[in-house]
Amino acid sequence: ERSSWVVSGVALAAALGSVLVAARTTSWRRVPATAGLAV
């Protein structure tokens, strides 16, 4: 299924969307464990 434009595209959109939402959330940056893990 990774070779499918549609299925892999959904996975890519979900991944980028989650990262974008997390990047706009300030709480994780105040916690060293999650901030350091992100770096």
PDB file of all heavy atoms in Angstrom:
ATOM      1  N   GLU A   1       0.806  -1.219   0.000  1.00  0.00           N
ATOM      2  CA  GLU A   1       0.000   0.000   0.000  1.00  0.00           C
ATOM      3  C   GLU A   1       0.837   1.267   0.000  1.00  0.00           C
ATOM      4  O   GLU A   1       0.347   2.350  -0.334  1.00  0.00           O
ATOM      5  CB  GLU A   1      -0.963   0.018   1.192  1.00  0.00           C
ATOM      6  CG  GLU A   1      -0.312  -0.128   2.537  1.00  0.00           C
ATOM      7  CD  GLU A   1      -0.252  -1.579   2.983  1.00  0.00           C
ATOM      8  OE1 GLU A   1      -0.093  -2.467   2.111  1.00  0.00           O
ATOM      9  OE2 GLU A   1      -0.351  -1.829   4.187  1.00  0.00           O
ATOM     10  N   ARG A   2       2.119   1.140   0.351  1.00  0.00           N
ATOM     11  CA  ARG A   2       2.995   2.313   0.336  1.00  0.00           C
ATOM     12  C   ARG A   2       3.221   2.818  -1.092  1.00  0.00           C
ATOM     13  O   ARG A   2       3.584   3.975  -1.288  1.00  0.00           O
ATOM     14  CB  ARG A   2       4.343   1.965   0.966  1.00  0.00           C
ATOM     15  CG  ARG A   2       4.285   1.574   2.439  1.00  0.00           C
ATOM     16  CD  ARG A   2       4.190   2.771   3.334  1.00  0.00           C
ATOM     17  NE  ARG A   2       5.423   3.544   3.318  1.00  0.00           N
ATOM     18  CZ  ARG A   2       5.520   4.768   3.861  1.00  0.00           C
ATOM     19  NH1 ARG A   2       4.478   5.348   4.411  1.00  0.00           N
ATOM     20  NH2 ARG A   2       6.684   5.419   3.822  1.00  0.00           N
ATOM     21  N   SER A   3       3.016   1.972  -2.078  1.00  0.00           N
ATOM     22  CA  SER A   3       3.223   2.380  -3.476  1.00  0.00           C
ATOM     23  C   SER A   3       2.014   3.110  -4.050  1.00  0.00           C
ATOM     24  O   SER A   3       2.080   3.636  -5.168  1.00  0.00           O
ATOM     25  CB  SER A   3       3.539   1.160  -4.348  1.00  0.00           C
ATOM     26  OG  SER A   3       2.440   0.263  -4.375  1.00  0.00           O
ATOM     27  N   SER A   4       0.925   3.147  -3.314  1.00  0.00           N
ATOM     28  CA  SER A   4      -0.288   3.812  -3.787  1.00  0.00           C
ATOM     29  C   SER A   4      -0.203   5.307  -3.529  1.00  0.00           C
ATOM     30  O   SER A   4       0.067   5.751  -2.406  1.00  0.00           O
ATOM     31  CB  SER A   4      -1.514   3.231  -3.061  1.00  0.00           C
ATOM     32  OG  SER A   4      -2.649   4.046  -3.244  1.00  0.00           O
ATOM     33  N   TRP A   5      -0.471   6.094  -4.567  1.00  0.00           N
ATOM     34  CA  TRP A   5      -0.485   7.547  -4.411  1.00  0.00           C
ATOM     35  C   TRP A   5      -1.525   7.962  -3.369  1.00  0.00           C
ATOM     36  O   TRP A   5      -1.274   8.851  -2.550  1.00  0.00           O
ATOM     37  CB  TRP A   5      -0.810   8.216  -5.744  1.00  0.00           C
ATOM     38  CG  TRP A   5       0.333   8.283  -6.709  1.00  0.00           C
ATOM     39  CD1 TRP A   5       0.633   7.366  -7.673  1.00  0.00           C
ATOM     40  CD2 TRP A   5       1.320   9.309  -6.803  1.00  0.00           C
ATOM     41  NE1 TRP A   5       1.751   7.758  -8.365  1.00  0.00           N
ATOM     42  CE2 TRP A   5       2.196   8.957  -7.853  1.00  0.00           C
ATOM     43  CE3 TRP A   5       1.551  10.494  -6.109  1.00  0.00           C
ATOM     44  CZ2 TRP A   5       3.281   9.733  -8.230  1.00  0.00           C
ATOM     45  CZ3 TRP A   5       2.632  11.289  -6.472  1.00  0.00           C
ATOM     46  CH2 TRP A   5       3.481  10.914  -7.514  1.00  0.00           C
ATOM     47  N   VAL A   6      -2.686   7.318  -3.404  1.00  0.00           N
ATOM     48  CA  VAL A   6      -3.779   7.721  -2.518  1.00  0.00           C
ATOM     49  C   VAL A   6      -3.478   7.347  -1.073  1.00  0.00           C
ATOM     50  O   VAL A   6      -3.537   8.190  -0.158  1.00  0.00           O
ATOM     51  CB  VAL A   6      -5.106   7.080  -2.972  1.00  0.00           C
ATOM     52  CG1 VAL A   6      -6.216   7.407  -1.972  1.00  0.00           C
ATOM     53  CG2 VAL A   6      -5.486   7.562  -4.362  1.00  0.00           C
ATOM     54  N   VAL A   7      -3.140   6.074  -0.839  1.00  0.00           N
ATOM     55  CA  VAL A   7      -2.934   5.609   0.533  1.00  0.00           C
ATOM     56  C   VAL A   7      -1.727   6.295   1.161  1.00  0.00           C
ATOM     57  O   VAL A   7      -1.796   6.803   2.289  1.00  0.00           O
ATOM     58  CB  VAL A   7      -2.771   4.078   0.572  1.00  0.00           C
ATOM     59  CG1 VAL A   7      -2.481   3.609   1.995  1.00  0.00           C
ATOM     60  CG2 VAL A   7      -4.028   3.401   0.044  1.00  0.00           C
ATOM     61  N   SER A   8      -0.614   6.302   0.436  1.00  0.00           N
ATOM     62  CA  SER A   8       0.569   6.965   0.985  1.00  0.00           C
ATOM     63  C   SER A   8       0.353   8.473   1.099  1.00  0.00           C
ATOM     64  O   SER A   8       0.918   9.127   1.990  1.00  0.00           O
ATOM     65  CB  SER A   8       1.798   6.665   0.128  1.00  0.00           C
ATOM     66  OG  SER A   8       1.656   7.192  -1.177  1.00  0.00           O
ATOM     67  N   GLY A   9      -0.477   9.026   0.219  1.00  0.00           N
ATOM     68  CA  GLY A   9      -0.789  10.449   0.299  1.00  0.00           C
ATOM     69  C   GLY A   9      -1.591  10.788   1.543  1.00  0.00           C
ATOM     70  O   GLY A   9      -1.374  11.829   2.179  1.00  0.00           O
ATOM     71  N   VAL A  10      -2.522   9.904   1.910  1.00  0.00           N
ATOM     72  CA  VAL A  10      -3.277  10.104   3.153  1.00  0.00           C
ATOM     73  C   VAL A  10      -2.337  10.053   4.351  1.00  0.00           C
ATOM     74  O   VAL A  10      -2.436  10.875   5.281  1.00  0.00           O
ATOM     75  CB  VAL A  10      -4.383   9.035   3.283  1.00  0.00           C
ATOM     76  CG1 VAL A  10      -5.014   9.086   4.666  1.00  0.00           C
ATOM     77  CG2 VAL A  10      -5.445   9.236   2.209  1.00  0.00           C
ATOM     78  N   ALA A  11      -1.419   9.079   4.348  1.00  0.00           N
ATOM     79  CA  ALA A  11      -0.453   8.978   5.441  1.00  0.00           C
ATOM     80  C   ALA A  11       0.414  10.227   5.532  1.00  0.00           C
ATOM     81  O   ALA A  11       0.673  10.745   6.632  1.00  0.00           O
ATOM     82  CB  ALA A  11       0.427   7.732   5.258  1.00  0.00           C
ATOM     83  N   LEU A  12       0.852  10.718   4.377  1.00  0.00           N
ATOM     84  CA  LEU A  12       1.693  11.920   4.356  1.00  0.00           C
ATOM     85  C   LEU A  12       0.914  13.131   4.865  1.00  0.00           C
ATOM     86  O   LEU A  12       1.425  13.928   5.662  1.00  0.00           O
ATOM     87  CB  LEU A  12       2.204  12.163   2.940  1.00  0.00           C
ATOM     88  CG  LEU A  12       3.079  13.403   2.739  1.00  0.00           C
ATOM     89  CD1 LEU A  12       4.334  13.320   3.604  1.00  0.00           C
ATOM     90  CD2 LEU A  12       3.462  13.544   1.262  1.00  0.00           C
ATOM     91  N   ALA A  13      -0.345  13.279   4.423  1.00  0.00           N
ATOM     92  CA  ALA A  13      -1.158  14.405   4.866  1.00  0.00           C
ATOM     93  C   ALA A  13      -1.407  14.344   6.367  1.00  0.00           C
ATOM     94  O   ALA A  13      -1.349  15.366   7.063  1.00  0.00           O
ATOM     95  CB  ALA A  13      -2.487  14.421   4.103  1.00  0.00           C
ATOM     96  N   ALA A  14      -1.686  13.144   6.874  1.00  0.00           N
ATOM     97  CA  ALA A  14      -1.922  12.988   8.308  1.00  0.00           C
ATOM     98  C   ALA A  14      -0.664  13.302   9.109  1.00  0.00           C
ATOM     99  O   ALA A  14      -0.728  13.957  10.156  1.00  0.00           O
ATOM    100  CB  ALA A  14      -2.390  11.560   8.606  1.00  0.00           C
ATOM    101  N   ALA A  15       0.484  12.851   8.611  1.00  0.00           N
ATOM    102  CA  ALA A  15       1.742  13.106   9.317  1.00  0.00           C
ATOM    103  C   ALA A  15       2.057  14.601   9.341  1.00  0.00           C
ATOM    104  O   ALA A  15       2.358  15.180  10.394  1.00  0.00           O
ATOM    105  CB  ALA A  15       2.880  12.330   8.655  1.00  0.00           C
ATOM    106  N   LEU A  16       1.990  15.250   8.179  1.00  0.00           N
ATOM    107  CA  LEU A  16       2.294  16.681   8.110  1.00  0.00           C
ATOM    108  C   LEU A  16       1.277  17.503   8.892  1.00  0.00           C
ATOM    109  O   LEU A  16       1.635  18.487   9.558  1.00  0.00           O
ATOM    110  CB  LEU A  16       2.333  17.126   6.654  1.00  0.00           C
ATOM    111  CG  LEU A  16       3.472  16.556   5.800  1.00  0.00           C
ATOM    112  CD1 LEU A  16       3.351  17.017   4.353  1.00  0.00           C
ATOM    113  CD2 LEU A  16       4.827  16.943   6.366  1.00  0.00           C
ATOM    114  N   GLY A  17       0.003  17.096   8.831  1.00  0.00           N
ATOM    115  CA  GLY A  17      -1.016  17.810   9.583  1.00  0.00           C
ATOM    116  C   GLY A  17      -0.792  17.722  11.082  1.00  0.00           C
ATOM    117  O   GLY A  17      -0.920  18.731  11.800  1.00  0.00           O
ATOM    118  N   SER A  18      -0.440  16.540  11.565  1.00  0.00           N
ATOM    119  CA  SER A  18      -0.179  16.377  12.989  1.00  0.00           C
ATOM    120  C   SER A  18       1.025  17.196  13.436  1.00  0.00           C
ATOM    121  O   SER A  18       0.996  17.832  14.491  1.00  0.00           O
ATOM    122  CB  SER A  18       0.052  14.888  13.315  1.00  0.00           C
ATOM    123  OG  SER A  18      -1.097  14.123  13.036  1.00  0.00           O
ATOM    124  N   VAL A  19       2.064  17.192  12.619  1.00  0.00           N
ATOM    125  CA  VAL A  19       3.257  17.969  12.958  1.00  0.00           C
ATOM    126  C   VAL A  19       2.935  19.460  12.970  1.00  0.00           C
ATOM    127  O   VAL A  19       3.401  20.209  13.845  1.00  0.00           O
ATOM    128  CB  VAL A  19       4.392  17.658  11.965  1.00  0.00           C
ATOM    129  CG1 VAL A  19       5.558  18.618  12.161  1.00  0.00           C
ATOM    130  CG2 VAL A  19       4.859  16.219  12.132  1.00  0.00           C
ATOM    131  N   LEU A  20       2.133  19.915  12.016  1.00  0.00           N
ATOM    132  CA  LEU A  20       1.765  21.331  11.957  1.00  0.00           C
ATOM    133  C   LEU A  20       0.964  21.737  13.186  1.00  0.00           C
ATOM    134  O   LEU A  20       1.220  22.789  13.794  1.00  0.00           O
ATOM    135  CB  LEU A  20       0.961  21.612  10.684  1.00  0.00           C
ATOM    136  CG  LEU A  20       0.500  23.062  10.483  1.00  0.00           C
ATOM    137  CD1 LEU A  20       1.702  24.003  10.405  1.00  0.00           C
ATOM    138  CD2 LEU A  20      -0.358  23.179   9.227  1.00  0.00           C
ATOM    139  N   VAL A  21      -0.010  20.918  13.584  1.00  0.00           N
ATOM    140  CA  VAL A  21      -0.801  21.219  14.776  1.00  0.00           C
ATOM    141  C   VAL A  21       0.086  21.244  16.014  1.00  0.00           C
ATOM    142  O   VAL A  21      -0.022  22.140  16.863  1.00  0.00           O
ATOM    143  CB  VAL A  21      -1.931  20.192  14.942  1.00  0.00           C
ATOM    144  CG1 VAL A  21      -2.623  20.367  16.298  1.00  0.00           C
ATOM    145  CG2 VAL A  21      -2.953  20.328  13.820  1.00  0.00           C
ATOM    146  N   ALA A  22       0.984  20.253  16.121  1.00  0.00           N
ATOM    147  CA  ALA A  22       1.880  20.203  17.284  1.00  0.00           C
ATOM    148  C   ALA A  22       2.804  21.408  17.319  1.00  0.00           C
ATOM    149  O   ALA A  22       3.095  21.953  18.397  1.00  0.00           O
ATOM    150  CB  ALA A  22       2.692  18.910  17.253  1.00  0.00           C
ATOM    151  N   ALA A  23       3.272  21.844  16.153  1.00  0.00           N
ATOM    152  CA  ALA A  23       4.183  22.991  16.103  1.00  0.00           C
ATOM    153  C   ALA A  23       3.496  24.265  16.571  1.00  0.00           C
ATOM    154  O   ALA A  23       4.152  25.185  17.084  1.00  0.00           O
ATOM    155  CB  ALA A  23       4.714  23.175  14.682  1.00  0.00           C
ATOM    156  N   ARG A  24       2.171  24.342  16.416  1.00  0.00           N
ATOM    157  CA  ARG A  24       1.417  25.514  16.835  1.00  0.00           C
ATOM    158  C   ARG A  24       0.941  25.401  18.287  1.00  0.00           C
ATOM    159  O   ARG A  24       0.271  26.303  18.790  1.00  0.00           O
ATOM    160  CB  ARG A  24       0.209  25.713  15.912  1.00  0.00           C
ATOM    161  CG  ARG A  24       0.607  26.053  14.477  1.00  0.00           C
ATOM    162  CD  ARG A  24      -0.615  26.004  13.565  1.00  0.00           C
ATOM    163  NE  ARG A  24      -1.650  26.953  13.995  1.00  0.00           N
ATOM    164  CZ  ARG A  24      -1.690  28.229  13.642  1.00  0.00           C
ATOM    165  NH1 ARG A  24      -0.730  28.722  12.841  1.00  0.00           N
ATOM    166  NH2 ARG A  24      -2.652  29.020  14.048  1.00  0.00           N
ATOM    167  N   THR A  25       1.294  24.278  18.923  1.00  0.00           N
ATOM    168  CA  THR A  25       0.920  24.068  20.320  1.00  0.00           C
ATOM    169  C   THR A  25       2.131  24.371  21.196  1.00  0.00           C
ATOM    170  O   THR A  25       3.193  23.756  21.033  1.00  0.00           O
ATOM    171  CB  THR A  25       0.456  22.614  20.551  1.00  0.00           C
ATOM    172  OG1 THR A  25      -0.609  22.316  19.642  1.00  0.00           O
ATOM    173  CG2 THR A  25      -0.019  22.410  21.981  1.00  0.00           C
ATOM    174  N   THR A  26       1.978  25.309  22.102  1.00  0.00           N
ATOM    175  CA  THR A  26       3.136  25.751  22.890  1.00  0.00           C
ATOM    176  C   THR A  26       3.438  24.852  24.076  1.00  0.00           C
ATOM    177  O   THR A  26       4.555  24.865  24.593  1.00  0.00           O
ATOM    178  CB  THR A  26       2.906  27.190  23.396  1.00  0.00           C
ATOM    179  OG1 THR A  26       1.716  27.219  24.207  1.00  0.00           O
ATOM    180  CG2 THR A  26       2.751  28.151  22.230  1.00  0.00           C
ATOM    181  N   SER A  27       2.474  24.048  24.516  1.00  0.00           N
ATOM    182  CA  SER A  27       2.667  23.296  25.757  1.00  0.00           C
ATOM    183  C   SER A  27       3.828  22.316  25.666  1.00  0.00           C
ATOM    184  O   SER A  27       4.585  22.143  26.632  1.00  0.00           O
ATOM    185  CB  SER A  27       1.380  22.552  26.127  1.00  0.00           C
ATOM    186  OG  SER A  27       1.015  21.655  25.096  1.00  0.00           O
ATOM    187  N   TRP A  28       3.995  21.665  24.501  1.00  0.00           N
ATOM    188  CA  TRP A  28       5.047  20.652  24.401  1.00  0.00           C
ATOM    189  C   TRP A  28       6.440  21.268  24.479  1.00  0.00           C
ATOM    190  O   TRP A  28       7.388  20.640  24.920  1.00  0.00           O
ATOM    191  CB  TRP A  28       4.907  19.851  23.104  1.00  0.00           C
ATOM    192  CG  TRP A  28       5.142  20.650  21.848  1.00  0.00           C
ATOM    193  CD1 TRP A  28       4.215  21.319  21.135  1.00  0.00           C
ATOM    194  CD2 TRP A  28       6.381  20.857  21.175  1.00  0.00           C
ATOM    195  NE1 TRP A  28       4.785  21.946  20.045  1.00  0.00           N
ATOM    196  CE2 TRP A  28       6.124  21.674  20.053  1.00  0.00           C
ATOM    197  CE3 TRP A  28       7.686  20.434  21.411  1.00  0.00           C
ATOM    198  CZ2 TRP A  28       7.121  22.075  19.174  1.00  0.00           C
ATOM    199  CZ3 TRP A  28       8.682  20.837  20.531  1.00  0.00           C
ATOM    200  CH2 TRP A  28       8.394  21.642  19.423  1.00  0.00           C
ATOM    201  N   ARG A  29       6.558  22.554  24.086  1.00  0.00           N
ATOM    202  CA  ARG A  29       7.866  23.199  24.129  1.00  0.00           C
ATOM    203  C   ARG A  29       8.298  23.528  25.556  1.00  0.00           C
ATOM    204  O   ARG A  29       9.479  23.754  25.812  1.00  0.00           O
ATOM    205  CB  ARG A  29       7.845  24.476  23.282  1.00  0.00           C
ATOM    206  CG  ARG A  29       7.762  24.218  21.787  1.00  0.00           C
ATOM    207  CD  ARG A  29       8.134  25.452  20.992  1.00  0.00           C
ATOM    208  NE  ARG A  29       7.138  26.501  21.122  1.00  0.00           N
ATOM    209  CZ  ARG A  29       6.105  26.660  20.283  1.00  0.00           C
ATOM    210  NH1 ARG A  29       5.962  25.827  19.275  1.00  0.00           N
ATOM    211  NH2 ARG A  29       5.256  27.655  20.447  1.00  0.00           N
ATOM    212  N   ARG A  30       7.334  23.577  26.481  1.00  0.00           N
ATOM    213  CA  ARG A  30       7.662  23.871  27.863  1.00  0.00           C
ATOM    214  C   ARG A  30       8.083  22.634  28.646  1.00  0.00           C
ATOM    215  O   ARG A  30       8.516  22.732  29.784  1.00  0.00           O
ATOM    216  CB  ARG A  30       6.467  24.535  28.553  1.00  0.00           C
ATOM    217  CG  ARG A  30       6.127  25.906  28.001  1.00  0.00           C
ATOM    218  CD  ARG A  30       5.213  26.663  28.954  1.00  0.00           C
ATOM    219  NE  ARG A  30       3.915  26.008  29.081  1.00  0.00           N
ATOM    220  CZ  ARG A  30       2.844  26.342  28.360  1.00  0.00           C
ATOM    221  NH1 ARG A  30       2.946  27.308  27.449  1.00  0.00           N
ATOM    222  NH2 ARG A  30       1.694  25.727  28.538  1.00  0.00           N
ATOM    223  N   VAL A  31       7.921  21.470  28.041  1.00  0.00           N
ATOM    224  CA  VAL A  31       8.294  20.209  28.697  1.00  0.00           C
ATOM    225  C   VAL A  31       9.586  19.706  28.055  1.00  0.00           C
ATOM    226  O   VAL A  31       9.597  19.377  26.869  1.00  0.00           O
ATOM    227  CB  VAL A  31       7.177  19.152  28.554  1.00  0.00           C
ATOM    228  CG1 VAL A  31       7.582  17.854  29.247  1.00  0.00           C
ATOM    229  CG2 VAL A  31       5.874  19.691  29.125  1.00  0.00           C
ATOM    230  N   PRO A  32      10.701  19.652  28.787  1.00  0.00           N
ATOM    231  CA  PRO A  32      11.979  19.258  28.179  1.00  0.00           C
ATOM    232  C   PRO A  32      11.935  17.905  27.476  1.00  0.00           C
ATOM    233  O   PRO A  32      12.574  17.733  26.435  1.00  0.00           O
ATOM    234  CB  PRO A  32      12.936  19.232  29.384  1.00  0.00           C
ATOM    235  CG  PRO A  32      12.328  20.157  30.379  1.00  0.00           C
ATOM    236  CD  PRO A  32      10.844  20.015  30.215  1.00  0.00           C
ATOM    237  N   ALA A  33      11.192  16.941  28.017  1.00  0.00           N
ATOM    238  CA  ALA A  33      11.171  15.610  27.412  1.00  0.00           C
ATOM    239  C   ALA A  33      10.651  15.660  25.981  1.00  0.00           C
ATOM    240  O   ALA A  33      11.245  15.075  25.061  1.00  0.00           O
ATOM    241  CB  ALA A  33      10.325  14.664  28.261  1.00  0.00           C
ATOM    242  N   THR A  34       9.524  16.350  25.755  1.00  0.00           N
ATOM    243  CA  THR A  34       8.950  16.401  24.410  1.00  0.00           C
ATOM    244  C   THR A  34       9.689  17.389  23.519  1.00  0.00           C
ATOM    245  O   THR A  34       9.846  17.154  22.317  1.00  0.00           O
ATOM    246  CB  THR A  34       7.456  16.755  24.484  1.00  0.00           C
ATOM    247  OG1 THR A  34       7.283  17.940  25.294  1.00  0.00           O
ATOM    248  CG2 THR A  34       6.665  15.618  25.100  1.00  0.00           C
ATOM    249  N   ALA A  35      10.147  18.493  24.093  1.00  0.00           N
ATOM    250  CA  ALA A  35      10.902  19.465  23.284  1.00  0.00           C
ATOM    251  C   ALA A  35      12.215  18.862  22.799  1.00  0.00           C
ATOM    252  O   ALA A  35      12.590  18.991  21.623  1.00  0.00           O
ATOM    253  CB  ALA A  35      11.166  20.727  24.106  1.00  0.00           C
ATOM    254  N   GLY A  36      12.931  18.201  23.697  1.00  0.00           N
ATOM    255  CA  GLY A  36      14.190  17.571  23.309  1.00  0.00           C
ATOM    256  C   GLY A  36      13.987  16.433  22.328  1.00  0.00           C
ATOM    257  O   GLY A  36      14.772  16.245  21.391  1.00  0.00           O
ATOM    258  N   LEU A  37      12.910  15.660  22.522  1.00  0.00           N
ATOM    259  CA  LEU A  37      12.605  14.575  21.592  1.00  0.00           C
ATOM    260  C   LEU A  37      12.332  15.124  20.202  1.00  0.00           C
ATOM    261  O   LEU A  37      12.747  14.535  19.192  1.00  0.00           O
ATOM    262  CB  LEU A  37      11.396  13.781  22.097  1.00  0.00           C
ATOM    263  CG  LEU A  37      10.972  12.573  21.259  1.00  0.00           C
ATOM    264  CD1 LEU A  37      12.086  11.522  21.227  1.00  0.00           C
ATOM    265  CD2 LEU A  37       9.681  11.961  21.801  1.00  0.00           C
ATOM    266  N   ALA A  38      11.647  16.268  20.122  1.00  0.00           N
ATOM    267  CA  ALA A  38      11.367  16.878  18.821  1.00  0.00           C
ATOM    268  C   ALA A  38      12.657  17.292  18.118  1.00  0.00           C
ATOM    269  O   ALA A  38      12.829  17.060  16.911  1.00  0.00           O
ATOM    270  CB  ALA A  38      10.444  18.089  19.002  1.00  0.00           C
ATOM    271  N   VAL A  39      13.577  17.893  18.861  1.00  0.00           N
ATOM    272  CA  VAL A  39      14.858  18.293  18.268  1.00  0.00           C
ATOM    273  C   VAL A  39      15.620  17.063  17.782  1.00  0.00           C
ATOM    274  O   VAL A  39      16.167  17.045  16.669  1.00  0.00           O
ATOM    275  CB  VAL A  39      15.697  19.082  19.290  1.00  0.00           C
ATOM    276  CG1 VAL A  39      17.097  19.349  18.738  1.00  0.00           C
ATOM    277  CG2 VAL A  39      15.017  20.396  19.641  1.00  0.00           C
TER     278      VAL A  39
END
